[in-house]
């Protein structure tokens, strides 16, 4: 068979991921904070992009200006014939002495002259203060947050006079994590400093007496022991309890009573003391402020019984394309490279504004469909949350499933029942025992939680009993699913709950 080269003409279709298309896809899954950061970067690199100032600000500034103009006119009387003013004239007009006006400069009255007008204008321009407060930010005056490292550093400076001991304490302080635990090996510090491990342990013992109680602990048991020692409650029984925290986690109270040598009443008192301790004492100095969740969509009840779905204006970036500036600078381009740069900036700016507009419309469309699907949840609560998946919403609004997935990622909806992530409304389906409508997994979890909260100490529900009760109410669920949901909600097993309820009941008698 002979081999030969030949030309063939073939027609095909393919999807090309252009940079603009990739940018639009990225914008869909950006959170509000990420989107603001992205737009700031685009404005910095693109001279044709600018943020649109809210119209309300301009109106407010004009109103404020109109309000201050009469005051300025009234104040104008103060500066008439200002050149002829004297200290006595000012004191008589203000009904006070100049020492009260300028308490930091008692010699003002002896130095009054033609320059008084400028001083008086400066003082009256900022409310009678002698110094200007223009540009003063209240945040600049607030005290900076004290970190855990600074807090223990001050105590190290007072507790140690020996430079070597202070150096060791500094190394230990550098090994503290945000919870206040020492996460460095003492032998490693000793090797690095060329000293004995015993010397490091001696310094550590002093540091463990610092405030807050429990810092410089190496594990949870030591942290709790340090706090109990400060309270003078580290007796042999409490030491045995702290040494067997794994039994406490399993709620094995019978074994704990035997190990600690106490009865049920004393054990319950000891457990109450343990609960009052702080397992993470260093978190009180955590300087990081948590960001508040800003809802992207707001849902409100309308007068006709329907729901009004609106985008939150605070999360919508206001970006404009400066066509006027482009028209001014484009004729002055010196070469083709500058013309290409301006054309590319204009194209990117227009694409970004269209992408932001499309992003807002897509979020609103997806959120509106979610509200339509979960109307019963908004009216009656979590028990009426319907099973929902991405494909159902995608088919209803005519979009791809991946697009809906990107839109619902890290987006939040403000409803009359609280703030929920959009993905909260997508839950798995659990079949009904009678062949009716399926149940949402989130609704089943809430039902399991309610059943356990309502159980009595003498009748603790096992997982099998919960399965039977759910099937009676029309939920076809397996026992292992009940166990998985229960463990996901941090609810102990029936054996552990029965043991704890009996101990509490006996203590109440």
Protein backbone atom coordinates (compact mmCIF):
# COMPACT_ATOMS: atom_id res chain seq x y z
CA UNK A 1 0.00 0.00 0.00
CA UNK A 2 1.58 3.25 -1.13
CA UNK A 3 1.84 6.23 1.21
CA UNK A 4 1.22 9.68 -0.20
CA UNK A 5 0.60 13.18 1.12
CA UNK A 6 -2.69 14.86 0.24
CA UNK A 7 -4.84 17.79 1.34
CA UNK A 8 -8.28 17.42 2.88
CA UNK A 9 -10.88 20.08 3.72
CA UNK A 10 -12.80 19.40 6.93
CA UNK A 11 -15.42 21.50 8.72
CA UNK A 12 -15.93 21.18 12.46
CA UNK A 13 -17.17 23.15 15.46
CA UNK A 14 -15.29 23.64 18.69
CA UNK A 15 -15.51 25.83 21.76
CA UNK A 16 -12.56 28.17 22.16
CA UNK A 17 -11.93 29.41 25.69
CA UNK A 18 -10.91 33.00 25.02
CA UNK A 19 -9.39 35.05 27.87
CA UNK A 20 -12.59 37.11 28.05
CA UNK A 21 -14.75 33.99 28.36
CA UNK A 22 -12.50 32.59 31.07
CA UNK A 23 -12.75 35.92 32.90
CA UNK A 24 -16.56 35.78 32.79
CA UNK A 25 -16.52 32.26 34.23
CA UNK A 26 -14.20 33.36 37.03
CA UNK A 27 -16.42 36.32 37.88
CA UNK A 28 -19.36 33.99 38.48
CA UNK A 29 -17.68 32.14 41.32
CA UNK A 30 -16.05 35.18 42.95
CA UNK A 31 -17.29 36.22 46.37
CA UNK A 32 -18.07 39.85 47.08
CA UNK A 33 -14.64 40.47 48.63
CA UNK A 34 -12.81 38.66 45.85
CA UNK A 35 -14.76 40.58 43.22
CA UNK A 36 -13.91 43.93 44.80
CA UNK A 37 -10.24 42.98 44.92
CA UNK A 38 -10.32 41.89 41.27
CA UNK A 39 -11.96 45.13 40.15
CA UNK A 40 -9.40 47.19 42.08
CA UNK A 41 -6.63 45.40 40.20
CA UNK A 42 -8.36 45.98 36.86
CA UNK A 43 -8.84 49.69 37.58
CA UNK A 44 -5.17 49.97 38.51
CA UNK A 45 -3.98 48.48 35.22
CA UNK A 46 -6.68 49.92 32.94
CA UNK A 47 -6.83 53.76 32.71
CA UNK A 48 -10.26 53.66 31.05
CA UNK A 49 -11.96 52.04 34.05
CA UNK A 50 -13.26 53.97 37.01
CA UNK A 51 -15.64 53.39 39.86
CA UNK A 52 -19.02 55.08 39.65
CA UNK A 53 -19.77 57.22 42.64
CA UNK A 54 -23.23 56.68 44.15
CA UNK A 55 -25.71 59.38 43.25
CA UNK A 56 -26.81 59.62 46.85
CA UNK A 57 -23.39 60.86 47.89
CA UNK A 58 -23.56 63.75 45.46
CA UNK A 59 -27.03 64.68 46.62
CA UNK A 60 -25.98 64.42 50.25
CA UNK A 61 -22.94 66.62 49.69
CA UNK A 62 -25.08 69.29 48.00
CA UNK A 63 -27.60 69.20 50.85
CA UNK A 64 -24.82 69.48 53.40
CA UNK A 65 -23.40 72.41 51.47
CA UNK A 66 -26.77 74.16 51.43
CA UNK A 67 -27.12 73.65 55.17
CA UNK A 68 -23.71 75.10 55.95
CA UNK A 69 -24.07 78.19 53.75
CA UNK A 70 -26.46 80.04 56.11
CA UNK A 71 -24.15 79.26 59.00
CA UNK A 72 -21.21 80.60 57.06
CA UNK A 73 -23.19 83.74 56.27
CA UNK A 74 -24.00 84.18 59.92
CA UNK A 75 -20.39 83.68 60.89
CA UNK A 76 -19.38 86.31 58.39
CA UNK A 77 -20.39 89.00 60.88
CA UNK A 78 -17.53 87.88 63.10
CA UNK A 79 -14.91 88.89 60.59
CA UNK A 80 -16.25 92.29 59.62
CA UNK A 81 -13.80 95.06 60.49
CA UNK A 82 -11.43 92.39 61.76
CA UNK A 83 -8.38 94.60 61.44
CA UNK A 84 -9.60 96.89 64.20
CA UNK A 85 -10.31 94.17 66.71
CA UNK A 86 -8.61 94.13 70.06
CA UNK A 87 -8.39 91.67 72.93
CA UNK A 88 -10.98 93.63 74.90
CA UNK A 89 -13.40 93.69 71.94
CA UNK A 90 -13.18 89.97 71.43
CA UNK A 91 -13.58 89.23 75.12
CA UNK A 92 -16.65 91.48 75.28
CA UNK A 93 -18.23 89.92 72.18
CA UNK A 94 -17.62 86.35 73.37
CA UNK A 95 -18.41 87.12 77.01
CA UNK A 96 -15.24 85.33 78.10
CA UNK A 97 -11.51 85.86 78.23
CA UNK A 98 -9.08 84.72 75.58
CA UNK A 99 -7.38 82.46 78.09
CA UNK A 100 -10.57 80.32 78.03
CA UNK A 101 -10.54 80.29 74.25
CA UNK A 102 -6.86 79.37 74.01
CA UNK A 103 -6.07 77.49 77.24
CA UNK A 104 -2.83 76.13 75.82
CA UNK A 105 -1.52 79.61 75.12
CA UNK A 106 -2.20 81.87 78.14
CA UNK A 107 -0.10 84.68 76.70
CA UNK A 108 -2.33 85.26 73.73
CA UNK A 109 -3.83 88.48 75.04
CA UNK A 110 -0.40 90.10 75.24
CA UNK A 111 0.44 89.23 71.64
CA UNK A 112 -2.80 90.15 69.85
CA UNK A 113 -2.42 92.15 66.71
CA UNK A 114 -3.16 91.99 63.00
CA UNK A 115 -2.40 88.28 62.97
CA UNK A 116 -5.29 87.57 65.34
CA UNK A 117 -7.73 87.25 62.46
CA UNK A 118 -5.90 84.33 60.89
CA UNK A 119 -5.61 82.61 64.27
CA UNK A 120 -9.27 83.18 65.03
CA UNK A 121 -10.41 81.91 61.62
CA UNK A 122 -8.34 78.78 62.07
CA UNK A 123 -9.77 78.22 65.56
CA UNK A 124 -13.39 78.83 64.63
CA UNK A 125 -13.05 76.79 61.45
CA UNK A 126 -12.60 73.60 63.45
CA UNK A 127 -15.08 74.21 66.24
CA UNK A 128 -12.95 76.36 68.49
CA UNK A 129 -9.98 74.03 68.54
CA UNK A 130 -6.54 75.45 68.10
CA UNK A 131 -5.34 72.55 65.96
CA UNK A 132 -6.79 71.33 62.69
CA UNK A 133 -8.49 67.94 62.68
CA UNK A 134 -8.74 67.65 58.90
CA UNK A 135 -8.16 64.11 57.75
CA UNK A 136 -8.40 62.73 61.28
CA UNK A 137 -9.68 59.17 61.33
CA UNK A 138 -11.17 57.70 64.49
CA UNK A 139 -9.57 54.38 63.61
CA UNK A 140 -6.14 55.98 63.85
CA UNK A 141 -6.82 56.91 67.47
CA UNK A 142 -7.99 53.43 68.50
CA UNK A 143 -5.53 51.35 70.42
CA UNK A 144 -4.04 48.47 68.49
CA UNK A 145 -5.03 44.99 69.58
CA UNK A 146 -2.66 43.29 72.01
CA UNK A 147 -1.37 40.02 70.63
CA UNK A 148 -0.62 36.94 72.71
CA UNK A 149 3.07 37.31 71.93
CA UNK A 150 3.14 40.89 73.23
CA UNK A 151 1.16 39.93 76.32
CA UNK A 152 3.51 37.16 77.38
CA UNK A 153 6.51 39.25 76.33
CA UNK A 154 5.66 41.84 78.96
CA UNK A 155 5.43 39.14 81.61
CA UNK A 156 8.74 37.62 80.49
CA UNK A 157 10.46 40.97 80.98
CA UNK A 158 9.21 41.12 84.57
CA UNK A 159 9.64 37.46 85.50
CA UNK A 160 13.24 36.93 84.36
CA UNK A 161 16.30 38.99 85.18
CA UNK A 162 18.83 36.50 83.83
CA UNK A 163 19.48 37.19 80.11
CA UNK A 164 19.86 33.47 79.38
CA UNK A 165 16.52 32.62 80.99
CA UNK A 166 14.89 35.51 79.17
CA UNK A 167 16.28 34.20 75.87
CA UNK A 168 14.86 30.73 76.56
CA UNK A 169 11.47 32.23 77.47
CA UNK A 170 11.50 34.19 74.22
CA UNK A 171 12.08 31.00 72.25
CA UNK A 172 9.18 29.36 74.06
CA UNK A 173 6.96 32.35 73.38
CA UNK A 174 7.82 32.20 69.69
CA UNK A 175 6.57 28.60 69.71
CA UNK A 176 3.10 29.50 70.96
CA UNK A 177 0.21 28.94 68.59
CA UNK A 178 -2.96 31.03 68.53
CA UNK A 179 -4.58 28.85 71.21
CA UNK A 180 -1.71 29.42 73.68
CA UNK A 181 -0.12 25.96 73.46
CA UNK A 182 3.63 25.42 73.08
CA UNK A 183 4.16 23.68 69.75
CA UNK A 184 7.97 23.37 69.85
CA UNK A 185 10.09 20.56 71.19
CA UNK A 186 12.02 21.45 74.35
CA UNK A 187 14.95 19.29 73.21
CA UNK A 188 15.10 21.23 69.94
CA UNK A 189 15.33 24.53 71.82
CA UNK A 190 18.00 23.11 74.10
CA UNK A 191 20.05 21.90 71.14
CA UNK A 192 19.73 25.21 69.30
CA UNK A 193 20.81 27.23 72.35
CA UNK A 194 23.42 24.73 73.54
CA UNK A 195 21.91 24.17 76.98
CA UNK A 196 20.35 21.33 78.94
CA UNK A 197 16.73 20.32 78.49
CA UNK A 198 16.27 20.69 82.25
CA UNK A 199 17.06 24.40 81.97
CA UNK A 200 14.41 24.82 79.31
CA UNK A 201 11.91 22.90 81.46
CA UNK A 202 12.67 25.13 84.43
CA UNK A 203 11.94 28.25 82.41
CA UNK A 204 8.79 26.64 81.01
CA UNK A 205 7.51 26.01 84.52
CA UNK A 206 7.82 29.71 85.29
CA UNK A 207 6.07 30.66 82.03
CA UNK A 208 3.19 28.33 82.78
CA UNK A 209 2.32 30.59 85.72
CA UNK A 210 1.66 33.52 83.36
CA UNK A 211 -1.71 35.00 82.57
CA UNK A 212 -4.04 33.87 81.16
CA UNK A 213 -3.99 30.64 83.09
CA UNK A 214 -3.26 27.68 80.86
CA UNK A 215 -0.80 29.27 78.43
CA UNK A 216 2.45 27.49 77.62
CA UNK A 217 0.72 24.12 78.05
CA UNK A 218 1.82 21.27 75.82
CA UNK A 219 -1.52 19.46 75.60
CA UNK A 220 -5.12 19.78 76.73
CA UNK A 221 -4.63 17.88 79.96
CA UNK A 222 -1.76 20.14 81.02
CA UNK A 223 -3.77 23.24 80.07
CA UNK A 224 -6.68 22.19 82.25
CA UNK A 225 -4.33 21.22 85.08
CA UNK A 226 -2.70 24.66 85.06
CA UNK A 227 -6.09 26.37 85.32
CA UNK A 228 -7.22 24.04 88.11
CA UNK A 229 -4.00 24.68 90.00
CA UNK A 230 -4.64 28.43 89.91
CA UNK A 231 -8.09 27.76 91.40
CA UNK A 232 -6.56 25.44 94.02
CA UNK A 233 -8.71 22.57 92.76
CA UNK A 234 -6.05 20.18 91.48
CA UNK A 235 -6.63 17.47 94.08
CA UNK A 236 -5.87 13.76 93.44
CA UNK A 237 -9.40 13.05 92.21
CA UNK A 238 -9.25 15.94 89.72
CA UNK A 239 -5.79 14.84 88.57
CA UNK A 240 -7.19 11.40 87.82
CA UNK A 241 -10.08 12.92 85.88
CA UNK A 242 -7.80 15.15 83.81
CA UNK A 243 -5.51 12.20 83.11
CA UNK A 244 -8.45 10.26 81.63
CA UNK A 245 -10.04 12.78 79.30
CA UNK A 246 -10.66 10.07 76.71
CA UNK A 247 -13.09 8.40 79.13
CA UNK A 248 -14.79 11.75 79.66
CA UNK A 249 -15.17 12.16 75.89
CA UNK A 250 -16.85 8.75 75.74
CA UNK A 251 -19.03 9.69 78.75
CA UNK A 252 -17.90 6.58 80.59
CA UNK A 253 -18.93 7.93 83.97
CA UNK A 254 -18.97 4.54 85.67
CA UNK A 255 -15.28 4.00 84.98
CA UNK A 256 -14.43 7.58 85.93
CA UNK A 257 -16.11 7.20 89.32
CA UNK A 258 -14.03 4.12 89.99
CA UNK A 259 -10.75 5.71 88.87
CA UNK A 260 -11.32 9.01 90.70
CA UNK A 261 -12.74 7.33 93.80
CA UNK A 262 -15.79 9.60 94.02
CA UNK A 263 -19.54 9.16 93.91
CA UNK A 264 -21.89 10.44 91.23
CA UNK A 265 -22.57 13.77 92.93
CA UNK A 266 -18.88 14.59 93.32
CA UNK A 267 -18.20 13.52 89.74
CA UNK A 268 -20.89 15.84 88.42
CA UNK A 269 -19.39 18.72 90.40
CA UNK A 270 -15.98 17.94 88.93
CA UNK A 271 -17.44 17.85 85.42
CA UNK A 272 -19.01 21.26 86.00
CA UNK A 273 -15.60 22.63 86.98
CA UNK A 274 -14.03 21.16 83.86
CA UNK A 275 -16.69 22.76 81.66
CA UNK A 276 -15.94 26.16 83.22
CA UNK A 277 -12.30 26.03 82.07
CA UNK A 278 -10.98 27.47 78.82
CA UNK A 279 -9.36 24.82 76.61
CA UNK A 280 -7.89 27.53 74.34
CA UNK A 281 -6.73 30.41 76.56
CA UNK A 282 -4.75 32.12 73.81
CA UNK A 283 -7.79 32.76 71.64
CA UNK A 284 -8.67 35.77 73.79
CA UNK A 285 -5.78 37.61 72.10
CA UNK A 286 -6.65 36.61 68.57
CA UNK A 287 -6.24 39.81 66.61
CA UNK A 288 -7.98 38.69 63.44
CA UNK A 289 -11.46 40.16 63.00
CA UNK A 290 -13.98 37.91 61.35
CA UNK A 291 -15.62 39.27 58.23
CA UNK A 292 -19.36 39.70 58.42
CA UNK A 293 -21.37 37.83 55.82
CA UNK A 294 -22.88 40.17 53.27
CA UNK A 295 -25.89 38.70 51.51
CA UNK A 296 -25.78 38.84 47.71
CA UNK A 297 -29.55 38.43 47.36
CA UNK A 298 -32.39 39.72 49.52
CA UNK A 299 -35.79 38.02 49.67
CA UNK A 300 -38.80 39.80 51.12
CA UNK A 301 -42.49 38.97 51.29
CA UNK A 302 -44.62 40.95 48.84
CA UNK A 303 -48.11 42.28 49.54
CA UNK A 304 -49.73 39.78 47.19
CA UNK A 305 -48.27 36.78 49.04
CA UNK A 306 -45.39 36.19 46.64
CA UNK A 307 -41.69 36.82 47.21
CA UNK A 308 -39.61 39.77 46.03
CA UNK A 309 -36.08 38.78 45.04
CA UNK A 310 -33.56 41.60 44.68
CA UNK A 311 -29.81 41.88 44.45
CA UNK A 312 -28.07 43.56 47.35
CA UNK A 313 -26.87 46.94 46.09
CA UNK A 314 -23.86 46.81 48.43
CA UNK A 315 -22.46 43.78 46.63
CA UNK A 316 -22.90 45.22 43.13
CA UNK A 317 -19.69 46.88 41.93
CA UNK A 318 -20.16 50.18 40.12
CA UNK A 319 -17.71 50.34 37.23
CA UNK A 320 -17.81 52.76 34.29
CA UNK A 321 -15.85 53.04 31.05
CA UNK A 322 -14.39 56.51 30.57
CA UNK A 323 -15.14 57.06 26.87
CA UNK A 324 -14.44 60.79 27.19
CA UNK A 325 -10.89 60.16 28.31
CA UNK A 326 -10.43 57.65 25.50
CA UNK A 327 -11.61 60.23 22.95
CA UNK A 328 -9.18 62.77 24.38
CA UNK A 329 -6.04 60.65 24.42
CA UNK A 330 -6.52 58.43 21.37
CA UNK A 331 -5.80 61.20 18.80
CA UNK A 332 -2.51 61.94 20.55
CA UNK A 333 -1.15 58.39 20.32
CA UNK A 334 2.42 58.64 19.02
CA UNK A 335 2.79 55.20 17.49
CA UNK A 336 0.88 52.02 16.70
CA UNK A 337 1.83 50.41 20.02
CA UNK A 338 0.06 53.15 21.96
CA UNK A 339 -3.01 52.89 19.71
CA UNK A 340 -3.14 49.13 20.24
CA UNK A 341 -2.80 49.61 24.00
CA UNK A 342 -5.72 52.05 24.12
CA UNK A 343 -7.85 49.81 21.92
CA UNK A 344 -7.13 46.81 24.12
CA UNK A 345 -7.95 48.79 27.27
CA UNK A 346 -11.27 49.88 25.75
CA UNK A 347 -12.12 46.34 24.72
CA UNK A 348 -11.27 44.90 28.13
CA UNK A 349 -13.20 47.63 29.91
CA UNK A 350 -16.32 47.07 27.82
CA UNK A 351 -16.06 43.32 28.31
CA UNK A 352 -15.68 43.69 32.06
CA UNK A 353 -18.76 45.88 32.39
CA UNK A 354 -20.80 43.45 30.29
CA UNK A 355 -19.49 40.51 32.31
CA UNK A 356 -20.44 42.19 35.59
CA UNK A 357 -23.91 42.91 34.26
CA UNK A 358 -24.31 39.32 33.07
CA UNK A 359 -23.05 38.05 36.44
CA UNK A 360 -25.69 40.06 38.29
CA UNK A 361 -28.46 38.84 35.99
CA UNK A 362 -27.35 35.22 36.35
CA UNK A 363 -27.26 35.39 40.15
CA UNK A 364 -30.71 36.95 40.22
CA UNK A 365 -32.09 34.34 37.84
CA UNK A 366 -30.71 31.42 39.86
CA UNK A 367 -31.83 32.91 43.17
CA UNK A 368 -35.35 33.54 41.84
CA UNK A 369 -35.66 29.92 40.76
CA UNK A 370 -34.42 28.71 44.14
CA UNK A 371 -37.04 30.86 45.88
CA UNK A 372 -39.72 29.47 43.58
CA UNK A 373 -38.65 25.90 44.31
CA UNK A 374 -38.30 26.40 48.07
CA UNK A 375 -41.38 28.53 48.69
CA UNK A 376 -42.63 26.09 51.37
CA UNK A 377 -39.37 26.48 53.31
CA UNK A 378 -39.70 30.27 53.40
CA UNK A 379 -43.28 29.97 54.65
CA UNK A 380 -43.16 27.02 57.06
CA UNK A 381 -39.50 26.35 57.89
CA UNK A 382 -36.87 23.67 57.47
CA UNK A 383 -39.33 20.77 57.76
CA UNK A 384 -40.72 21.78 54.38
CA UNK A 385 -37.38 22.07 52.59
CA UNK A 386 -37.74 20.18 49.31
CA UNK A 387 -35.07 17.96 47.74
CA UNK A 388 -33.33 19.98 45.05
CA UNK A 389 -30.32 19.48 42.79
CA UNK A 390 -28.38 21.65 40.39
CA UNK A 391 -29.80 20.02 37.28
CA UNK A 392 -33.37 20.90 38.25
CA UNK A 393 -32.53 24.59 38.56
CA UNK A 394 -30.35 24.54 35.43
CA UNK A 395 -33.12 23.01 33.32
CA UNK A 396 -35.68 25.47 34.65
CA UNK A 397 -33.67 28.58 33.76
CA UNK A 398 -32.04 27.22 30.61
CA UNK A 399 -28.43 27.21 31.81
CA UNK A 400 -25.72 24.63 32.17
CA UNK A 401 -25.39 22.77 35.44
CA UNK A 402 -21.79 23.95 35.91
CA UNK A 403 -22.93 27.57 35.62
CA UNK A 404 -25.45 27.09 38.42
CA UNK A 405 -22.76 25.42 40.51
CA UNK A 406 -20.44 28.42 40.11
CA UNK A 407 -23.20 30.89 40.90
CA UNK A 408 -24.23 29.16 44.12
CA UNK A 409 -20.67 28.85 45.45
CA UNK A 410 -20.02 31.26 48.34
CA UNK A 411 -23.13 33.33 47.63
CA UNK A 412 -25.61 34.10 50.39
CA UNK A 413 -29.32 34.87 50.49
CA UNK A 414 -31.04 36.99 53.13
CA UNK A 415 -34.49 35.59 53.87
CA UNK A 416 -37.08 36.22 56.61
CA UNK A 417 -35.73 33.03 58.22
CA UNK A 418 -32.11 34.14 58.24
CA UNK A 419 -29.05 34.21 55.99
CA UNK A 420 -28.33 31.02 54.08
CA UNK A 421 -25.76 30.02 51.52
CA UNK A 422 -27.37 29.30 48.17
CA UNK A 423 -26.07 25.75 48.30
CA UNK A 424 -27.99 25.19 51.53
CA UNK A 425 -31.15 24.84 49.47
CA UNK A 426 -29.69 21.94 47.45
CA UNK A 427 -30.21 18.80 49.51
CA UNK A 428 -30.29 15.09 48.85
CA UNK A 429 -33.56 13.24 48.43
CA UNK A 430 -34.81 10.60 50.86
CA UNK A 431 -37.67 8.44 49.63
CA UNK A 432 -41.04 8.38 51.32
CA UNK A 433 -42.17 5.12 52.89
CA UNK A 434 -45.70 5.43 51.48
CA UNK A 435 -44.65 6.26 47.96
CA UNK A 436 -45.40 9.99 48.33
CA UNK A 437 -43.15 12.97 47.80
CA UNK A 438 -39.50 12.57 48.77
CA UNK A 439 -38.08 14.30 51.83
CA UNK A 440 -35.10 16.62 52.07
CA UNK A 441 -32.10 15.32 53.99
CA UNK A 442 -31.89 18.60 55.90
CA UNK A 443 -35.52 18.24 57.00
CA UNK A 444 -34.82 14.67 58.15
CA UNK A 445 -31.82 15.89 60.17
CA UNK A 446 -34.01 18.45 61.90
CA UNK A 447 -36.58 15.74 62.67
CA UNK A 448 -33.90 13.48 64.18
CA UNK A 449 -32.62 16.36 66.31
CA UNK A 450 -36.12 17.05 67.60
CA UNK A 451 -36.77 13.41 68.47
CA UNK A 452 -33.56 13.21 70.49
CA UNK A 453 -34.23 16.53 72.25
CA UNK A 454 -37.67 15.31 73.34
CA UNK A 455 -36.57 11.88 74.61
CA UNK A 456 -36.82 11.06 78.30
CA UNK A 457 -34.04 9.84 80.54
CA UNK A 458 -35.84 6.53 81.06
CA UNK A 459 -36.60 6.10 77.36
CA UNK A 460 -33.55 7.01 75.33
CA UNK A 461 -34.10 6.39 71.62
CA UNK A 462 -31.76 4.06 69.80
CA UNK A 463 -31.01 4.48 66.12
CA UNK A 464 -33.39 1.63 65.31
CA UNK A 465 -36.15 3.31 67.31
CA UNK A 466 -35.58 6.55 65.44
CA UNK A 467 -35.79 4.65 62.14
CA UNK A 468 -39.16 3.18 63.16
CA UNK A 469 -40.52 6.57 64.21
CA UNK A 470 -39.38 8.20 60.97
CA UNK A 471 -40.96 5.44 58.90
CA UNK A 472 -44.22 5.93 60.75
CA UNK A 473 -44.10 9.59 59.71
CA UNK A 474 -43.47 8.63 56.08
CA UNK A 475 -39.65 8.73 55.82
CA UNK A 476 -37.98 5.62 54.40
CA UNK A 477 -34.48 5.75 55.87
CA UNK A 478 -31.83 3.21 56.82
CA UNK A 479 -30.31 2.90 60.27
CA UNK A 480 -26.79 3.67 59.05
CA UNK A 481 -28.11 6.90 57.52
CA UNK A 482 -29.61 7.90 60.87
CA UNK A 483 -26.28 7.14 62.55
CA UNK A 484 -24.42 9.23 59.95
CA UNK A 485 -26.75 12.20 60.39
CA UNK A 486 -26.57 11.91 64.18
CA UNK A 487 -22.78 11.86 64.21
CA UNK A 488 -22.71 14.78 61.77
CA UNK A 489 -24.70 16.82 64.30
CA UNK A 490 -22.28 15.80 67.13
CA UNK A 491 -25.00 13.88 68.96
CA UNK A 492 -23.66 10.94 71.02
CA UNK A 493 -25.00 7.42 70.75
CA UNK A 494 -27.96 6.18 72.74
CA UNK A 495 -25.66 4.37 75.19
CA UNK A 496 -23.72 7.53 75.96
CA UNK A 497 -26.86 9.65 76.21
CA UNK A 498 -28.52 7.13 78.56
CA UNK A 499 -25.43 7.08 80.79
CA UNK A 500 -25.30 10.88 80.98
CA UNK A 501 -29.04 11.31 81.61
CA UNK A 502 -29.00 8.75 84.42
CA UNK A 503 -26.08 10.52 86.06
CA UNK A 504 -27.85 13.87 85.83
CA UNK A 505 -31.08 12.37 87.14
CA UNK A 506 -29.37 10.78 90.14
CA UNK A 507 -27.64 14.05 90.93
CA UNK A 508 -30.98 15.88 90.91
CA UNK A 509 -32.54 13.60 93.51
